[in-house]
Amino acid sequence: MEKRKIDLNSDIGESFGVYKIGQDEEILPYISSANIACGFHAGDYNVMNKTVKMAIDRGVAIGAHPGMQDLTGFGRREMAVSADEVYNMIIYQMNALKGFTHIHGGSLHHVKPHGALYNMAATNIVIAEAIAKAIYDTDAALILYGLANSELIHAGKKYGLHVAEEIFADRTYQSDGTLSPRNFPDAVIHDKNIASAQIKRMIEDNLVTTVDGTEIPIHGDTVCVHGDGIHALNFVQHLTEMFQEAEIKIESVSR
């Protein structure tokens, strides 16, 4: 019987100038897809260039990770933005990264919004459709990564994009299928054993237990592991070991 497959993605390239964030070089060997910051919430032109090259050298699929123009808040603060602004900020950021992939002989594989923009698009159909349209107008062959069963996924399908439904190992879920806001005390799962058990159940049983104890159905094509925490490398190593034991193959999402 063929092994189950799952894409393992991580948000990287989030250093800026002299400030180093994350463990990009150490994490890249373990993942199949990289979401690279495009300079608004994190990253800069030097970091983007270096990170794209590292990903290509490792054979890791490259994704643009556009966010709000909010370096101070790391793109995690909601902002009042119009659909036109969202469309334009996605076009601007994703095409900047696309340029770096081109000069290194690679190609852009997917787009995954970051932080507040990602969460807003999960529930706001106007924001979701602006993102999907920007991707479609740039390159309809790109894959849109979004929260499983969210408005962003629905918008991607509406525009005929290939979508990848994303699930999280280290985040808790609300009963409506959204992620618990980061200002909630139980938003992040710090115990790697609990996190790996949650993701294994989501992959094998298509179920997740929410913060109020409700079980809800969920489907995942790709698993996110955050690359900016102090225990990020240890966590991704633990997760890949669990996948190996469960005979789950790590492979990027195919178009």
Protein backbone atom coordinates (compact mmCIF):
# COMPACT_ATOMS: atom_id res chain seq x y z
CA MET A 1 0.00 0.00 0.00
CA GLU A 2 1.27 3.47 -0.90
CA LYS A 3 2.38 5.64 1.99
CA ARG A 4 0.30 8.61 3.08
CA LYS A 5 1.85 11.89 1.94
CA ILE A 6 1.93 15.28 3.59
CA ASP A 7 3.67 18.53 2.76
CA LEU A 8 5.69 20.03 5.60
CA ASN A 9 6.06 23.80 5.31
CA SER A 10 7.78 26.43 7.42
CA ASP A 11 7.81 30.24 7.48
CA ILE A 12 11.41 31.31 6.95
CA GLY A 13 13.50 34.24 5.65
CA GLU A 14 12.25 36.40 8.52
CA SER A 15 15.53 38.04 9.43
CA PHE A 16 15.93 41.73 8.66
CA GLY A 17 19.12 43.74 8.26
CA VAL A 18 21.38 42.89 11.20
CA TYR A 19 18.56 41.12 13.09
CA LYS A 20 18.58 37.34 12.79
CA ILE A 21 15.33 35.47 13.38
CA GLY A 22 14.83 31.74 13.09
CA GLN A 23 16.99 28.76 12.17
CA ASP A 24 16.50 28.70 8.43
CA GLU A 25 19.62 26.76 7.39
CA GLU A 26 19.02 24.11 10.04
CA ILE A 27 15.28 23.69 9.31
CA LEU A 28 15.48 23.56 5.49
CA PRO A 29 16.73 19.92 5.34
CA TYR A 30 13.58 18.73 7.10
CA ILE A 31 10.83 20.53 5.16
CA SER A 32 9.36 20.16 1.69
CA SER A 33 8.03 23.72 1.24
CA ALA A 34 9.32 27.11 2.40
CA ASN A 35 7.20 30.23 2.85
CA ILE A 36 9.64 33.10 2.43
CA ALA A 37 8.91 36.53 3.91
CA CYS A 38 8.67 39.26 1.27
CA GLY A 39 9.82 42.36 3.16
CA PHE A 40 6.59 43.75 4.63
CA HIS A 41 6.22 41.92 7.95
CA ALA A 42 9.80 40.58 7.91
CA GLY A 43 12.71 39.90 5.60
CA ASP A 44 14.47 42.23 3.18
CA TYR A 45 15.97 42.02 -0.32
CA ASN A 46 19.25 40.53 0.93
CA VAL A 47 17.52 37.95 3.11
CA MET A 48 15.07 37.08 0.34
CA ASN A 49 17.88 36.49 -2.12
CA LYS A 50 19.88 34.32 0.28
CA THR A 51 16.88 32.31 1.46
CA VAL A 52 15.64 31.58 -2.06
CA LYS A 53 19.08 30.29 -3.05
CA MET A 54 19.28 28.07 0.04
CA ALA A 55 15.84 26.62 -0.67
CA ILE A 56 16.67 25.91 -4.31
CA ASP A 57 19.96 24.26 -3.32
CA ARG A 58 18.00 22.01 -0.95
CA GLY A 59 15.30 21.18 -3.48
CA VAL A 60 12.61 22.76 -1.30
CA ALA A 61 9.50 24.21 -2.98
CA ILE A 62 9.44 28.01 -2.73
CA GLY A 63 6.42 30.00 -1.65
CA ALA A 64 5.84 33.73 -1.21
CA HIS A 65 4.79 34.69 2.31
CA PRO A 66 3.25 38.17 1.97
CA GLY A 67 1.96 40.01 5.01
CA MET A 68 0.83 43.36 6.32
CA GLN A 69 3.35 46.23 6.11
CA ASP A 70 4.03 46.03 9.82
CA LEU A 71 7.63 45.27 10.81
CA THR A 72 7.05 46.45 14.37
CA GLY A 73 4.17 44.05 14.91
CA PHE A 74 5.66 41.25 12.79
CA GLY A 75 2.54 41.38 10.64
CA ARG A 76 0.39 39.93 13.41
CA ARG A 77 -1.76 43.02 14.03
CA GLU A 78 -4.96 43.46 12.08
CA MET A 79 -5.11 46.59 9.92
CA ALA A 80 -8.00 48.30 8.17
CA VAL A 81 -7.26 47.60 4.51
CA SER A 82 -9.44 47.68 1.40
CA ALA A 83 -9.72 44.88 -1.13
CA ASP A 84 -7.66 46.97 -3.59
CA GLU A 85 -4.90 47.43 -1.02
CA VAL A 86 -4.79 43.70 -0.31
CA TYR A 87 -4.69 42.90 -4.03
CA ASN A 88 -1.84 45.34 -4.60
CA MET A 89 0.20 44.27 -1.57
CA ILE A 90 0.01 40.64 -2.68
CA ILE A 91 1.00 41.50 -6.26
CA TYR A 92 3.93 43.62 -4.99
CA GLN A 93 5.32 41.09 -2.55
CA MET A 94 4.85 37.86 -4.46
CA ASN A 95 6.37 39.25 -7.62
CA ALA A 96 9.40 40.52 -5.71
CA LEU A 97 10.05 36.99 -4.51
CA LYS A 98 9.25 35.58 -7.93
CA GLY A 99 12.09 37.72 -9.32
CA PHE A 100 14.61 36.18 -6.93
CA THR A 101 13.49 32.65 -7.78
CA HIS A 102 13.92 33.46 -11.46
CA ILE A 103 17.52 34.69 -11.19
CA HIS A 104 18.48 31.52 -9.31
CA GLY A 105 16.91 29.26 -11.93
CA GLY A 106 13.92 28.26 -9.82
CA SER A 107 10.22 28.92 -9.93
CA LEU A 108 7.59 30.06 -7.47
CA HIS A 109 5.47 27.13 -6.25
CA HIS A 110 2.88 28.66 -3.92
CA VAL A 111 1.65 31.66 -1.98
CA LYS A 112 0.73 31.64 1.70
CA PRO A 113 -0.37 34.87 3.41
CA HIS A 114 1.20 35.65 6.78
CA GLY A 115 -0.14 36.41 10.24
CA ALA A 116 -3.03 38.86 10.49
CA LEU A 117 -3.58 38.81 6.74
CA TYR A 118 -3.87 35.01 6.82
CA ASN A 119 -6.32 35.08 9.72
CA MET A 120 -8.41 37.86 8.19
CA ALA A 121 -8.63 35.96 4.90
CA ALA A 122 -9.81 32.86 6.77
CA THR A 123 -13.12 34.52 7.65
CA ASN A 124 -13.43 37.62 5.44
CA ILE A 125 -14.57 36.71 1.93
CA VAL A 126 -13.63 40.14 0.49
CA ILE A 127 -10.03 39.86 1.71
CA ALA A 128 -9.87 36.21 0.65
CA GLU A 129 -11.02 36.94 -2.88
CA ALA A 130 -8.60 39.86 -3.25
CA ILE A 131 -5.73 37.51 -2.40
CA ALA A 132 -6.97 34.77 -4.73
CA LYS A 133 -7.43 37.24 -7.61
CA ALA A 134 -3.92 38.64 -7.15
CA ILE A 135 -2.47 35.14 -7.39
CA TYR A 136 -4.65 34.24 -10.36
CA ASP A 137 -3.72 37.42 -12.23
CA THR A 138 0.00 36.84 -11.61
CA ASP A 139 0.21 33.10 -12.31
CA ALA A 140 -2.84 30.85 -12.23
CA ALA A 141 -0.58 27.80 -11.86
CA LEU A 142 0.54 28.84 -8.37
CA ILE A 143 -0.85 26.95 -5.37
CA LEU A 144 -2.71 28.91 -2.70
CA TYR A 145 -2.00 27.77 0.86
CA GLY A 146 -4.75 28.63 3.35
CA LEU A 147 -6.34 27.52 6.59
CA ALA A 148 -8.26 24.29 6.08
CA ASN A 149 -11.92 24.86 5.15
CA SER A 150 -11.55 28.65 5.33
CA GLU A 151 -12.88 31.46 3.15
CA LEU A 152 -9.41 31.69 1.60
CA ILE A 153 -9.64 28.10 0.40
CA HIS A 154 -13.14 28.72 -0.96
CA ALA A 155 -11.93 31.87 -2.77
CA GLY A 156 -9.03 29.97 -4.32
CA LYS A 157 -11.39 27.33 -5.66
CA LYS A 158 -13.70 30.03 -7.01
CA TYR A 159 -10.82 31.42 -9.09
CA GLY A 160 -9.80 27.96 -10.25
CA LEU A 161 -6.53 27.90 -8.29
CA HIS A 162 -4.98 24.74 -6.97
CA VAL A 163 -5.36 25.02 -3.20
CA ALA A 164 -3.55 23.36 -0.30
CA GLU A 165 -5.50 23.16 2.95
CA GLU A 166 -3.17 23.88 5.85
CA ILE A 167 -3.22 22.37 9.32
CA PHE A 168 -1.13 23.33 12.33
CA ALA A 169 0.78 21.12 14.74
CA ASP A 170 1.58 23.80 17.32
CA ARG A 171 -1.66 25.82 17.40
CA THR A 172 -5.01 25.16 19.05
CA TYR A 173 -8.33 25.37 17.25
CA GLN A 174 -11.63 27.07 17.97
CA SER A 175 -14.92 25.21 17.43
CA ASP A 176 -15.49 27.09 14.13
CA GLY A 177 -12.23 25.69 12.73
CA THR A 178 -10.23 28.90 13.08
CA LEU A 179 -6.95 29.11 15.00
CA SER A 180 -7.06 30.40 18.56
CA PRO A 181 -5.88 34.04 18.53
CA ARG A 182 -2.28 34.42 19.68
CA ASN A 183 -3.32 36.60 22.61
CA PHE A 184 -5.22 33.63 24.08
CA PRO A 185 -3.23 31.79 26.78
CA ASP A 186 -3.70 28.39 25.09
CA ALA A 187 -3.14 29.54 21.50
CA VAL A 188 0.23 27.82 21.08
CA ILE A 189 1.03 24.19 21.93
CA HIS A 190 4.48 24.07 23.49
CA ASP A 191 4.62 20.34 24.30
CA LYS A 192 6.04 18.62 21.19
CA ASN A 193 4.40 15.30 22.11
CA ILE A 194 0.93 16.86 22.32
CA ALA A 195 1.55 18.75 19.07
CA SER A 196 2.72 15.68 17.16
CA ALA A 197 -0.23 13.65 18.47
CA GLN A 198 -2.62 16.37 17.29
CA ILE A 199 -1.16 16.50 13.79
CA LYS A 200 -1.03 12.71 13.48
CA ARG A 201 -4.74 12.51 14.32
CA MET A 202 -5.58 15.23 11.83
CA ILE A 203 -3.73 13.39 9.06
CA GLU A 204 -4.92 9.87 9.87
CA ASP A 205 -8.45 10.49 11.19
CA ASN A 206 -9.29 13.93 9.73
CA LEU A 207 -10.33 15.13 13.18
CA VAL A 208 -9.12 17.71 15.69
CA THR A 209 -10.22 18.45 19.25
CA THR A 210 -10.90 22.14 19.80
CA VAL A 211 -10.22 24.18 22.94
CA ASP A 212 -13.75 23.58 24.23
CA GLY A 213 -13.47 19.82 23.77
CA THR A 214 -15.50 19.64 20.56
CA GLU A 215 -14.32 17.29 17.83
CA ILE A 216 -14.52 18.77 14.35
CA PRO A 217 -13.65 17.30 10.93
CA ILE A 218 -10.56 18.69 9.23
CA HIS A 219 -8.55 17.86 6.10
CA GLY A 220 -4.94 18.80 5.56
CA ASP A 221 -2.68 18.84 2.52
CA THR A 222 0.16 20.67 4.25
CA VAL A 223 1.41 21.03 7.82
CA CYS A 224 2.90 24.28 9.12
CA VAL A 225 5.80 24.33 11.56
CA HIS A 226 6.93 27.78 12.66
CA GLY A 227 10.61 28.50 12.16
CA ASP A 228 10.99 31.49 14.49
CA GLY A 229 10.76 29.84 17.93
CA ILE A 230 13.78 28.92 20.06
CA HIS A 231 12.76 25.24 19.96
CA ALA A 232 11.81 25.25 16.26
CA LEU A 233 14.56 22.90 15.10
CA ASN A 234 13.92 20.39 17.87
CA PHE A 235 10.22 20.50 17.12
CA VAL A 236 10.56 19.89 13.39
CA GLN A 237 13.00 17.04 14.02
CA HIS A 238 10.52 15.43 16.40
CA LEU A 239 7.70 15.85 13.90
CA THR A 240 9.64 14.28 11.03
CA GLU A 241 10.54 11.31 13.26
CA MET A 242 6.85 10.83 14.03
CA PHE A 243 6.01 10.93 10.32
CA GLN A 244 8.66 8.31 9.63
CA GLU A 245 7.33 6.02 12.35
CA ALA A 246 3.76 6.47 11.09
CA GLU A 247 4.91 5.81 7.50
CA ILE A 248 3.80 9.26 6.35
CA LYS A 249 5.94 10.55 3.49
CA ILE A 250 6.96 14.22 3.45
CA GLU A 251 6.44 15.62 -0.05
CA SER A 252 5.57 19.05 -1.46
CA VAL A 253 2.08 19.63 -2.81
CA SER A 254 1.87 18.81 -6.52
CA ARG A 255 0.13 21.11 -8.98
